[in-house]
Amino acid sequence: MRLELDGDTFDFAPGQAVRVGVPGTERRRPYSIASAPEDARDFHALELLVRVDADGRAGEHLPLEPGTAIEVEGPLGTFTFPDHVAARRIVFVAGGTGIAPLRAMLRHVIASEPDVRDIGLLYSARTPDDFAYEGEFRDLAARGVIELRQTITRPGETDWTGGRGRIDRTALAELVHDPDTLCFVCGPVAMVDEIPRLLTELGVPREKIRIEEW
């Protein structure tokens, strides 16, 4: 979903969130910004990854009809990409809609950190249809900009030829080639609790592991 800024500026750090709702109501819900600050400046808009129900609705707090006025509070959160990168490699580990802030960081790195080209993305979703921005990520991987791994957690998807099961140490080891790796983790609570332990077992210092905790 894209929120047009109507020519206004909105300064935020990659990884931050906003709280949105209909003007005049008290219903508000936070969403991580899925676009980089560079995108907001170029397109005068914020992009959000919004979960909808079977009827395509997000809820009363966020009507999805084009042209609807939406109040935006923020930016919020401290899960952000640093101003300076002091690591040889960057790895993003996402589960489900946790890809949103990591996509913002990834796009920021590509747009503003020309010296950083050693980037990995490990993305887990329930089914192949649940991967957001899949075409974008696969295009980046095909061009050699990122190293991409995907895995699904729901059994029975017979047409899927990629990874299966929850992210484990073996899956992480495919992307963590160097202990001098800066890692960002966002997704379901169980995953965010488990991944840092696995990364430290692979030799990544705890201070180089950043997690999102709502």
Protein backbone atom coordinates (compact mmCIF):
# COMPACT_ATOMS: atom_id res chain seq x y z
CA MET A 1 0.00 0.00 0.00
CA ARG A 2 1.32 3.44 -0.91
CA LEU A 3 0.51 6.55 1.14
CA GLU A 4 0.99 9.70 -0.91
CA LEU A 5 2.64 12.54 1.02
CA ASP A 6 1.05 15.30 -1.11
CA GLY A 7 4.39 17.02 -1.53
CA ASP A 8 5.28 16.99 2.17
CA THR A 9 8.51 15.51 3.48
CA PHE A 10 8.63 12.67 5.99
CA ASP A 11 12.04 11.98 7.48
CA PHE A 12 12.66 8.53 8.93
CA ALA A 13 15.42 5.98 9.35
CA PRO A 14 15.28 2.71 7.39
CA GLY A 15 13.55 0.18 9.64
CA GLN A 16 11.23 2.58 11.45
CA ALA A 17 7.44 2.34 11.57
CA VAL A 18 4.38 4.58 11.53
CA ARG A 19 1.01 4.38 13.25
CA VAL A 20 -1.88 4.97 10.88
CA GLY A 21 -5.62 5.49 11.13
CA VAL A 22 -8.62 7.35 9.80
CA PRO A 23 -8.79 11.03 10.84
CA GLY A 24 -11.29 11.65 13.63
CA THR A 25 -11.14 8.10 15.00
CA GLU A 26 -9.05 6.53 17.75
CA ARG A 27 -8.25 3.32 15.88
CA ARG A 28 -4.55 3.21 15.07
CA ARG A 29 -2.22 0.39 14.08
CA PRO A 30 1.55 0.39 13.61
CA TYR A 31 3.17 -0.73 10.37
CA SER A 32 6.83 -0.85 9.51
CA ILE A 33 7.70 1.33 6.54
CA ALA A 34 8.61 -1.01 3.69
CA SER A 35 10.27 1.63 1.51
CA ALA A 36 13.62 3.33 2.01
CA PRO A 37 13.99 7.03 2.86
CA GLU A 38 15.39 7.47 -0.65
CA ASP A 39 12.13 6.05 -2.07
CA ALA A 40 10.07 8.50 -0.02
CA ARG A 41 12.07 11.41 -1.37
CA ASP A 42 11.92 10.16 -4.96
CA PHE A 43 8.25 9.15 -5.06
CA HIS A 44 6.79 11.43 -2.32
CA ALA A 45 5.11 8.45 -0.71
CA LEU A 46 5.47 5.82 2.01
CA GLU A 47 4.98 2.15 1.24
CA LEU A 48 3.45 -0.22 3.80
CA LEU A 49 3.05 -3.99 3.73
CA VAL A 50 -0.54 -4.54 4.87
CA ARG A 51 -2.14 -7.86 5.74
CA VAL A 52 -5.71 -8.20 4.47
CA ASP A 53 -8.51 -10.68 5.08
CA ALA A 54 -10.18 -12.94 2.52
CA ASP A 55 -12.28 -9.98 1.34
CA GLY A 56 -9.23 -7.77 0.81
CA ARG A 57 -9.86 -5.60 3.86
CA ALA A 58 -7.23 -4.42 6.34
CA GLY A 59 -9.67 -3.30 9.03
CA GLU A 60 -11.61 -0.21 10.07
CA HIS A 61 -8.38 1.60 10.92
CA LEU A 62 -7.20 1.50 7.30
CA PRO A 63 -9.69 1.68 4.41
CA LEU A 64 -7.94 0.69 1.21
CA GLU A 65 -9.97 2.82 -1.18
CA PRO A 66 -7.73 5.11 -3.26
CA GLY A 67 -8.00 8.76 -2.24
CA THR A 68 -8.91 8.08 1.40
CA ALA A 69 -7.25 10.49 3.85
CA ILE A 70 -5.09 8.72 6.43
CA GLU A 71 -3.40 10.15 9.53
CA VAL A 72 0.22 9.08 9.97
CA GLU A 73 1.99 9.25 13.34
CA GLY A 74 5.71 8.75 13.60
CA PRO A 75 8.31 7.75 12.78
CA LEU A 76 8.46 5.14 15.53
CA GLY A 77 10.97 2.55 16.70
CA THR A 78 14.68 2.03 17.23
CA PHE A 79 15.15 -0.98 14.91
CA THR A 80 17.10 0.99 12.35
CA PHE A 81 20.00 0.66 9.97
CA PRO A 82 23.19 2.34 11.27
CA ASP A 83 24.64 5.48 9.74
CA HIS A 84 27.93 3.70 9.16
CA VAL A 85 28.46 0.00 8.39
CA ALA A 86 31.45 -1.59 10.10
CA ALA A 87 31.12 -5.14 8.76
CA ARG A 88 32.20 -6.96 5.63
CA ARG A 89 28.80 -8.58 5.11
CA ILE A 90 25.15 -7.80 5.85
CA VAL A 91 22.52 -10.51 6.25
CA PHE A 92 18.78 -9.90 6.58
CA VAL A 93 16.62 -12.67 8.08
CA ALA A 94 12.87 -12.23 7.62
CA GLY A 95 9.78 -14.19 8.53
CA GLY A 96 6.39 -13.34 7.03
CA THR A 97 5.53 -9.64 7.10
CA GLY A 98 8.77 -9.06 9.01
CA ILE A 99 10.23 -8.46 5.56
CA ALA A 100 8.83 -4.90 5.57
CA PRO A 101 11.50 -3.06 7.62
CA LEU A 102 14.24 -5.27 6.17
CA ARG A 103 13.21 -4.35 2.63
CA ALA A 104 13.52 -0.68 3.63
CA MET A 105 17.03 -1.34 4.93
CA LEU A 106 17.99 -3.39 1.89
CA ARG A 107 16.83 -0.71 -0.53
CA HIS A 108 18.64 1.92 1.53
CA VAL A 109 21.89 -0.04 1.38
CA ILE A 110 21.63 -0.43 -2.38
CA ALA A 111 20.80 3.27 -2.86
CA SER A 112 23.27 4.87 -0.45
CA GLU A 113 26.07 2.42 0.38
CA PRO A 114 27.86 1.78 -2.93
CA ASP A 115 30.78 0.10 -1.16
CA VAL A 116 28.51 -2.54 0.44
CA ARG A 117 27.86 -5.29 -2.06
CA ASP A 118 28.08 -8.38 0.14
CA ILE A 119 24.43 -8.77 1.09
CA GLY A 120 22.35 -11.83 1.95
CA LEU A 121 18.60 -12.25 2.43
CA LEU A 122 16.99 -15.31 4.04
CA TYR A 123 13.21 -15.08 3.76
CA SER A 124 10.73 -17.52 5.33
CA ALA A 125 6.98 -17.62 4.64
CA ARG A 126 4.14 -20.07 5.16
CA THR A 127 3.50 -20.71 1.46
CA PRO A 128 5.01 -19.57 -1.84
CA ASP A 129 2.12 -17.11 -2.23
CA ASP A 130 3.06 -15.39 1.03
CA PHE A 131 6.38 -14.01 -0.20
CA ALA A 132 6.03 -10.23 -0.55
CA TYR A 133 8.24 -8.43 -3.09
CA GLU A 134 9.42 -11.79 -4.40
CA GLY A 135 9.89 -10.58 -7.95
CA GLU A 136 11.97 -7.65 -6.76
CA PHE A 137 14.24 -9.83 -4.63
CA ARG A 138 14.69 -12.46 -7.32
CA ASP A 139 15.62 -9.78 -9.81
CA LEU A 140 18.26 -8.41 -7.40
CA ALA A 141 19.60 -11.93 -6.92
CA ALA A 142 19.71 -12.58 -10.67
CA ARG A 143 21.76 -9.40 -11.12
CA GLY A 144 24.16 -10.43 -8.37
CA VAL A 145 23.20 -7.58 -6.04
CA ILE A 146 22.09 -9.90 -3.22
CA GLU A 147 22.37 -13.56 -2.29
CA LEU A 148 18.82 -14.86 -1.78
CA ARG A 149 17.46 -17.91 0.05
CA GLN A 150 13.76 -18.69 0.53
CA THR A 151 12.01 -21.33 2.61
CA ILE A 152 8.37 -22.23 3.26
CA THR A 153 7.02 -23.64 6.51
CA ARG A 154 3.64 -25.11 5.52
CA PRO A 155 3.82 -28.70 4.23
CA GLY A 156 2.01 -29.91 1.16
CA GLU A 157 3.18 -27.34 -1.39
CA THR A 158 4.15 -29.86 -4.07
CA ASP A 159 5.13 -27.29 -6.72
CA TRP A 160 7.69 -25.56 -4.49
CA THR A 161 11.30 -26.46 -5.28
CA GLY A 162 13.00 -24.17 -2.76
CA GLY A 163 13.81 -24.64 0.91
CA ARG A 164 11.33 -26.10 3.38
CA GLY A 165 10.88 -25.89 7.14
CA ARG A 166 11.71 -23.30 9.75
CA ILE A 167 14.95 -21.39 9.50
CA ASP A 168 17.68 -23.41 11.18
CA ARG A 169 21.43 -23.27 11.62
CA THR A 170 22.08 -24.98 8.29
CA ALA A 171 20.01 -22.41 6.41
CA LEU A 172 21.75 -19.53 8.15
CA ALA A 173 25.19 -21.01 7.50
CA GLU A 174 24.56 -20.75 3.75
CA LEU A 175 24.52 -16.95 4.08
CA VAL A 176 26.76 -16.29 7.09
CA HIS A 177 30.07 -16.86 5.34
CA ASP A 178 32.02 -14.55 7.62
CA PRO A 179 31.79 -13.86 11.38
CA ASP A 180 32.23 -10.19 10.46
CA THR A 181 28.57 -10.06 9.49
CA LEU A 182 25.97 -7.54 10.59
CA CYS A 183 22.60 -9.30 10.92
CA PHE A 184 19.07 -7.92 11.09
CA VAL A 185 16.21 -10.21 12.16
CA CYS A 186 12.47 -9.51 11.99
CA GLY A 187 9.50 -11.87 12.02
CA PRO A 188 7.39 -14.03 14.36
CA VAL A 189 8.33 -13.96 18.04
CA ALA A 190 9.58 -17.56 18.11
CA MET A 191 11.86 -16.92 15.17
CA VAL A 192 13.24 -13.67 16.58
CA ASP A 193 13.96 -15.48 19.86
CA GLU A 194 15.75 -18.39 18.17
CA ILE A 195 17.78 -16.82 15.36
CA PRO A 196 20.24 -14.82 17.53
CA ARG A 197 21.29 -18.01 19.34
CA LEU A 198 21.91 -19.78 16.05
CA LEU A 199 23.87 -16.83 14.69
CA THR A 200 26.13 -16.71 17.74
CA GLU A 201 26.79 -20.44 17.30
CA LEU A 202 27.99 -19.58 13.78
CA GLY A 203 30.43 -17.06 15.23
CA VAL A 204 28.52 -13.80 14.78
CA PRO A 205 29.09 -11.54 17.84
CA ARG A 206 25.89 -10.71 19.71
CA GLU A 207 26.50 -6.99 19.27
CA LYS A 208 26.26 -7.48 15.50
CA ILE A 209 22.79 -9.02 15.70
CA ARG A 210 19.90 -6.55 15.60
CA ILE A 211 16.33 -7.72 16.22
CA GLU A 212 12.91 -6.12 15.96
CA GLU A 213 10.81 -6.44 19.11
CA TRP A 214 7.28 -4.98 19.06
